Amino acid sequence: MIVIADVELESSAERPAVGAPVIVEVRDTSLADDDSVTLATTLTRVEGRSSGWVATVELDVDDDTVPAGGDLTVWARIAATSTPEVTRGDWITVRAIPIDPSRAEQRVTVPVRHLD
């Protein structure tokens, strides 16, 4: 399955630095009482545009890793620092962005919010 994700700022009041890392993941969130499982991940960089758009990425999810009837979501983080954990100052997805595991290709918009 191919997922094309357009990462956009929820509010363009504050913009991440050009070149900041953008991490986008497709996650299996089927189990509400357990951690999600990352099925695909990619890294890109913030491009130098002035609109709310930050980056577009393509993720290739191995169909063999998608559980039958699974709930899949897209998650994104723009890192303000080099730490691997989400920290204050980052931009992250704050709501579920579902994708349909039965579709071979789909495009979604992934809004991210600044963590003050």
N, C-alpha and C. Protein backbone atom coordinates (compact mmCIF):
# COMPACT_ATOMS: atom_id res chain seq x y z
N MET A 1 0.85 -1.17 0.00
CA MET A 1 0.00 0.00 0.00
C MET A 1 0.90 1.24 0.00
N ILE A 2 0.53 2.20 -0.83
CA ILE A 2 1.27 3.48 -0.90
C ILE A 2 0.43 4.55 -0.21
N VAL A 3 1.05 5.28 0.71
CA VAL A 3 0.40 6.40 1.37
C VAL A 3 1.20 7.66 1.07
N ILE A 4 0.54 8.64 0.49
CA ILE A 4 1.16 9.94 0.23
C ILE A 4 0.61 10.89 1.28
N ALA A 5 1.51 11.47 2.07
CA ALA A 5 1.11 12.33 3.18
C ALA A 5 1.61 13.75 2.96
N ASP A 6 0.66 14.69 2.96
CA ASP A 6 0.99 16.11 2.88
C ASP A 6 0.99 16.65 4.31
N VAL A 7 2.15 17.00 4.83
CA VAL A 7 2.27 17.52 6.19
C VAL A 7 2.07 19.03 6.13
N GLU A 8 1.13 19.51 6.95
CA GLU A 8 0.79 20.94 6.96
C GLU A 8 0.70 21.44 8.39
N LEU A 9 1.02 22.70 8.59
CA LEU A 9 0.90 23.32 9.90
C LEU A 9 -0.57 23.60 10.18
N GLU A 10 -1.01 23.24 11.39
CA GLU A 10 -2.39 23.52 11.78
C GLU A 10 -2.61 25.02 11.87
N SER A 11 -1.59 25.73 12.32
CA SER A 11 -1.62 27.19 12.39
C SER A 11 -0.28 27.67 11.87
N SER A 12 -0.28 28.64 11.02
CA SER A 12 0.99 29.10 10.44
C SER A 12 1.58 30.27 11.22
N ALA A 13 1.14 30.45 12.47
CA ALA A 13 1.68 31.54 13.29
C ALA A 13 3.18 31.36 13.53
N GLU A 14 3.59 30.14 13.85
CA GLU A 14 5.00 29.83 14.03
C GLU A 14 5.38 28.76 13.04
N ARG A 15 6.51 28.93 12.39
CA ARG A 15 6.93 28.00 11.34
C ARG A 15 8.25 27.36 11.73
N PRO A 16 8.40 26.04 11.52
CA PRO A 16 9.68 25.39 11.83
C PRO A 16 10.77 25.88 10.88
N ALA A 17 12.00 25.71 11.33
CA ALA A 17 13.14 26.14 10.53
C ALA A 17 13.25 25.30 9.26
N VAL A 18 13.64 25.95 8.18
CA VAL A 18 13.90 25.23 6.93
C VAL A 18 14.99 24.20 7.22
N GLY A 19 14.77 22.98 6.78
CA GLY A 19 15.73 21.91 7.00
C GLY A 19 15.47 21.08 8.25
N ALA A 20 14.51 21.50 9.09
CA ALA A 20 14.19 20.71 10.28
C ALA A 20 13.67 19.34 9.86
N PRO A 21 14.01 18.29 10.63
CA PRO A 21 13.56 16.94 10.26
C PRO A 21 12.05 16.76 10.40
N VAL A 22 11.46 16.09 9.42
CA VAL A 22 10.04 15.73 9.43
C VAL A 22 9.97 14.21 9.39
N ILE A 23 9.41 13.63 10.45
CA ILE A 23 9.26 12.17 10.54
C ILE A 23 7.79 11.85 10.33
N VAL A 24 7.50 10.94 9.41
CA VAL A 24 6.11 10.55 9.16
C VAL A 24 6.04 9.02 9.27
N GLU A 25 5.00 8.53 9.97
CA GLU A 25 4.85 7.10 10.19
C GLU A 25 3.43 6.66 9.87
N VAL A 26 3.31 5.42 9.41
CA VAL A 26 2.01 4.74 9.35
C VAL A 26 2.03 3.77 10.51
N ARG A 27 0.98 3.85 11.35
CA ARG A 27 0.93 3.03 12.56
C ARG A 27 -0.33 2.17 12.57
N ASP A 28 -0.17 0.96 13.12
CA ASP A 28 -1.31 0.09 13.40
C ASP A 28 -1.78 0.45 14.81
N THR A 29 -2.96 1.04 14.91
CA THR A 29 -3.51 1.47 16.20
C THR A 29 -4.72 0.63 16.58
N SER A 30 -4.73 -0.62 16.16
CA SER A 30 -5.86 -1.51 16.39
C SER A 30 -6.10 -1.80 17.86
N LEU A 31 -5.03 -1.91 18.63
CA LEU A 31 -5.15 -2.30 20.03
C LEU A 31 -5.16 -1.06 20.92
N ALA A 32 -6.33 -0.71 21.40
CA ALA A 32 -6.49 0.52 22.18
C ALA A 32 -5.70 0.48 23.49
N ASP A 33 -5.50 -0.70 24.06
CA ASP A 33 -4.82 -0.81 25.35
C ASP A 33 -3.34 -1.16 25.22
N ASP A 34 -2.79 -1.00 24.04
CA ASP A 34 -1.39 -1.35 23.82
C ASP A 34 -0.74 -0.27 22.95
N ASP A 35 0.58 -0.27 22.93
CA ASP A 35 1.29 0.68 22.07
C ASP A 35 0.99 0.39 20.61
N SER A 36 1.00 1.44 19.80
CA SER A 36 0.83 1.24 18.37
C SER A 36 2.09 0.60 17.80
N VAL A 37 1.93 -0.01 16.62
CA VAL A 37 3.05 -0.65 15.93
C VAL A 37 3.32 0.16 14.67
N THR A 38 4.57 0.58 14.49
CA THR A 38 4.94 1.35 13.30
C THR A 38 5.15 0.39 12.13
N LEU A 39 4.38 0.62 11.06
CA LEU A 39 4.46 -0.24 9.87
C LEU A 39 5.35 0.34 8.78
N ALA A 40 5.47 1.66 8.76
CA ALA A 40 6.33 2.33 7.78
C ALA A 40 6.73 3.68 8.35
N THR A 41 7.94 4.11 8.03
CA THR A 41 8.40 5.41 8.50
C THR A 41 9.30 6.02 7.43
N THR A 42 9.31 7.33 7.38
CA THR A 42 10.20 8.03 6.46
C THR A 42 10.62 9.35 7.08
N LEU A 43 11.75 9.85 6.62
CA LEU A 43 12.30 11.11 7.10
C LEU A 43 12.53 12.03 5.92
N THR A 44 12.12 13.27 6.08
CA THR A 44 12.41 14.30 5.08
C THR A 44 12.74 15.57 5.84
N ARG A 45 12.80 16.69 5.16
CA ARG A 45 13.15 17.97 5.78
C ARG A 45 12.11 19.03 5.41
N VAL A 46 11.94 20.00 6.32
CA VAL A 46 11.05 21.13 6.05
C VAL A 46 11.59 21.88 4.85
N GLU A 47 10.71 22.16 3.91
CA GLU A 47 11.10 22.94 2.74
C GLU A 47 10.81 24.41 2.99
N GLY A 48 11.42 25.28 2.24
CA GLY A 48 11.34 26.72 2.49
C GLY A 48 10.18 27.42 1.83
N ARG A 49 8.99 27.08 2.22
CA ARG A 49 7.80 27.75 1.68
C ARG A 49 7.14 28.56 2.77
N SER A 50 6.35 29.53 2.40
CA SER A 50 5.74 30.40 3.41
C SER A 50 4.31 30.02 3.76
N SER A 51 3.73 29.10 3.05
CA SER A 51 2.35 28.69 3.36
C SER A 51 2.35 27.70 4.52
N GLY A 52 1.21 27.09 4.81
CA GLY A 52 1.12 26.10 5.86
C GLY A 52 1.70 24.76 5.48
N TRP A 53 1.92 24.53 4.18
CA TRP A 53 2.48 23.26 3.72
C TRP A 53 3.93 23.15 4.16
N VAL A 54 4.32 21.95 4.62
CA VAL A 54 5.68 21.73 5.10
C VAL A 54 6.44 20.74 4.22
N ALA A 55 5.79 19.61 3.92
CA ALA A 55 6.47 18.57 3.13
C ALA A 55 5.44 17.56 2.64
N THR A 56 5.80 16.85 1.58
CA THR A 56 5.01 15.72 1.10
C THR A 56 5.93 14.51 1.04
N VAL A 57 5.44 13.40 1.60
CA VAL A 57 6.23 12.16 1.62
C VAL A 57 5.40 11.01 1.09
N GLU A 58 6.09 9.99 0.64
CA GLU A 58 5.43 8.77 0.20
C GLU A 58 5.94 7.62 1.07
N LEU A 59 4.99 6.88 1.64
CA LEU A 59 5.33 5.73 2.46
C LEU A 59 4.83 4.47 1.78
N ASP A 60 5.66 3.45 1.76
CA ASP A 60 5.31 2.17 1.18
C ASP A 60 5.11 1.18 2.32
N VAL A 61 3.86 0.81 2.56
CA VAL A 61 3.52 -0.11 3.64
C VAL A 61 3.44 -1.52 3.07
N ASP A 62 4.22 -2.43 3.62
CA ASP A 62 4.21 -3.82 3.19
C ASP A 62 2.85 -4.42 3.55
N ASP A 63 2.12 -4.87 2.54
CA ASP A 63 0.77 -5.41 2.76
C ASP A 63 0.78 -6.59 3.74
N ASP A 64 1.88 -7.32 3.80
CA ASP A 64 1.96 -8.47 4.70
C ASP A 64 2.01 -8.05 6.17
N THR A 65 2.32 -6.78 6.46
CA THR A 65 2.39 -6.31 7.85
C THR A 65 1.07 -5.73 8.34
N VAL A 66 0.12 -5.53 7.43
CA VAL A 66 -1.16 -4.92 7.79
C VAL A 66 -2.10 -6.01 8.30
N PRO A 67 -2.52 -5.92 9.57
CA PRO A 67 -3.41 -6.95 10.10
C PRO A 67 -4.81 -6.84 9.49
N ALA A 68 -5.45 -7.97 9.31
CA ALA A 68 -6.82 -7.97 8.77
C ALA A 68 -7.72 -7.18 9.71
N GLY A 69 -8.45 -6.24 9.15
CA GLY A 69 -9.36 -5.42 9.95
C GLY A 69 -8.64 -4.42 10.83
N GLY A 70 -7.36 -4.18 10.57
CA GLY A 70 -6.57 -3.28 11.40
C GLY A 70 -6.97 -1.83 11.22
N ASP A 71 -6.71 -1.04 12.26
CA ASP A 71 -6.92 0.40 12.20
C ASP A 71 -5.57 1.05 11.97
N LEU A 72 -5.42 1.73 10.84
CA LEU A 72 -4.16 2.37 10.51
C LEU A 72 -4.31 3.89 10.56
N THR A 73 -3.29 4.54 11.09
CA THR A 73 -3.28 6.00 11.14
C THR A 73 -1.92 6.51 10.69
N VAL A 74 -1.90 7.78 10.30
CA VAL A 74 -0.65 8.44 9.94
C VAL A 74 -0.31 9.43 11.05
N TRP A 75 0.95 9.45 11.43
CA TRP A 75 1.44 10.32 12.50
C TRP A 75 2.65 11.06 11.97
N ALA A 76 2.81 12.33 12.38
CA ALA A 76 3.97 13.11 11.94
C ALA A 76 4.53 13.94 13.07
N ARG A 77 5.83 14.20 12.97
CA ARG A 77 6.53 15.06 13.92
C ARG A 77 7.54 15.88 13.16
N ILE A 78 7.58 17.17 13.46
CA ILE A 78 8.66 18.03 13.00
C ILE A 78 9.50 18.31 14.23
N ALA A 79 10.73 17.87 14.22
CA ALA A 79 11.59 17.94 15.39
C ALA A 79 12.27 19.31 15.48
N ALA A 80 12.11 19.95 16.63
CA ALA A 80 12.77 21.23 16.87
C ALA A 80 14.17 21.03 17.43
N THR A 81 14.42 19.83 17.96
CA THR A 81 15.74 19.49 18.51
C THR A 81 16.17 18.14 17.93
N SER A 82 17.36 17.72 18.32
CA SER A 82 17.87 16.44 17.81
C SER A 82 17.49 15.26 18.70
N THR A 83 16.67 15.47 19.73
CA THR A 83 16.28 14.37 20.60
C THR A 83 15.30 13.45 19.89
N PRO A 84 15.40 12.14 20.13
CA PRO A 84 14.48 11.20 19.46
C PRO A 84 13.06 11.25 20.04
N GLU A 85 12.91 11.77 21.27
CA GLU A 85 11.59 11.86 21.89
C GLU A 85 10.91 13.17 21.51
N VAL A 86 9.58 13.15 21.54
CA VAL A 86 8.81 14.38 21.32
C VAL A 86 9.08 15.31 22.50
N THR A 87 9.40 16.56 22.18
CA THR A 87 9.71 17.55 23.22
C THR A 87 8.98 18.85 22.93
N ARG A 88 8.93 19.71 23.95
CA ARG A 88 8.36 21.04 23.78
C ARG A 88 9.11 21.75 22.66
N GLY A 89 8.36 22.40 21.79
CA GLY A 89 8.95 23.07 20.64
C GLY A 89 8.76 22.30 19.34
N ASP A 90 8.46 20.99 19.45
CA ASP A 90 8.18 20.19 18.27
C ASP A 90 6.78 20.52 17.72
N TRP A 91 6.53 20.06 16.52
CA TRP A 91 5.19 20.06 15.93
C TRP A 91 4.80 18.60 15.77
N ILE A 92 3.59 18.22 16.22
CA ILE A 92 3.17 16.82 16.10
C ILE A 92 1.70 16.74 15.68
N THR A 93 1.34 15.55 15.21
CA THR A 93 -0.06 15.23 14.93
C THR A 93 -0.77 15.06 16.26
N VAL A 94 -1.91 15.73 16.44
CA VAL A 94 -2.62 15.65 17.72
C VAL A 94 -3.99 14.99 17.60
N ARG A 95 -4.31 14.49 16.41
CA ARG A 95 -5.56 13.74 16.24
C ARG A 95 -5.30 12.61 15.24
N ALA A 96 -6.14 11.61 15.31
CA ALA A 96 -5.96 10.45 14.44
C ALA A 96 -6.22 10.84 12.98
N ILE A 97 -5.34 10.43 12.11
CA ILE A 97 -5.49 10.60 10.66
C ILE A 97 -5.62 9.19 10.09
N PRO A 98 -6.86 8.69 9.97
CA PRO A 98 -7.04 7.30 9.54
C PRO A 98 -6.77 7.10 8.05
N ILE A 99 -6.32 5.90 7.72
CA ILE A 99 -6.19 5.50 6.32
C ILE A 99 -6.88 4.16 6.16
N ASP A 100 -7.30 3.88 4.96
CA ASP A 100 -8.06 2.67 4.64
C ASP A 100 -7.09 1.59 4.19
N PRO A 101 -6.91 0.53 4.98
CA PRO A 101 -5.94 -0.51 4.61
C PRO A 101 -6.33 -1.31 3.37
N SER A 102 -7.57 -1.16 2.90
CA SER A 102 -8.00 -1.93 1.72
C SER A 102 -7.66 -1.20 0.42
N ARG A 103 -7.22 0.04 0.49
CA ARG A 103 -6.88 0.80 -0.72
C ARG A 103 -5.40 0.66 -1.05
N ALA A 104 -5.10 0.47 -2.32
CA ALA A 104 -3.71 0.29 -2.75
C ALA A 104 -2.91 1.58 -2.66
N GLU A 105 -3.57 2.72 -2.87
CA GLU A 105 -2.89 4.01 -2.80
C GLU A 105 -3.88 5.06 -2.30
N GLN A 106 -3.38 5.94 -1.45
CA GLN A 106 -4.23 7.03 -0.96
C GLN A 106 -3.38 8.21 -0.53
N ARG A 107 -4.01 9.37 -0.53
CA ARG A 107 -3.34 10.61 -0.15
C ARG A 107 -4.09 11.23 1.02
N VAL A 108 -3.35 11.68 2.03
CA VAL A 108 -3.96 12.29 3.20
C VAL A 108 -3.22 13.57 3.56
N THR A 109 -3.95 14.47 4.20
CA THR A 109 -3.34 15.67 4.77
C THR A 109 -3.12 15.41 6.25
N VAL A 110 -1.93 15.70 6.72
CA VAL A 110 -1.56 15.44 8.11
C VAL A 110 -1.23 16.77 8.78
N PRO A 111 -2.19 17.33 9.52
CA PRO A 111 -1.90 18.60 10.21
C PRO A 111 -1.06 18.36 11.46
N VAL A 112 -0.13 19.26 11.72
CA VAL A 112 0.70 19.18 12.93
C VAL A 112 0.53 20.47 13.72
N ARG A 113 0.60 20.33 15.05
CA ARG A 113 0.42 21.48 15.96
C ARG A 113 1.70 21.69 16.76
N HIS A 114 2.03 22.96 16.97
CA HIS A 114 3.22 23.32 17.73
C HIS A 114 3.00 23.05 19.22
N LEU A 115 3.96 22.40 19.87
CA LEU A 115 3.89 22.15 21.31
C LEU A 115 4.60 23.28 22.04
N ASP A 116 3.84 24.15 22.64
CA ASP A 116 4.43 25.30 23.37
C ASP A 116 5.06 24.86 24.66
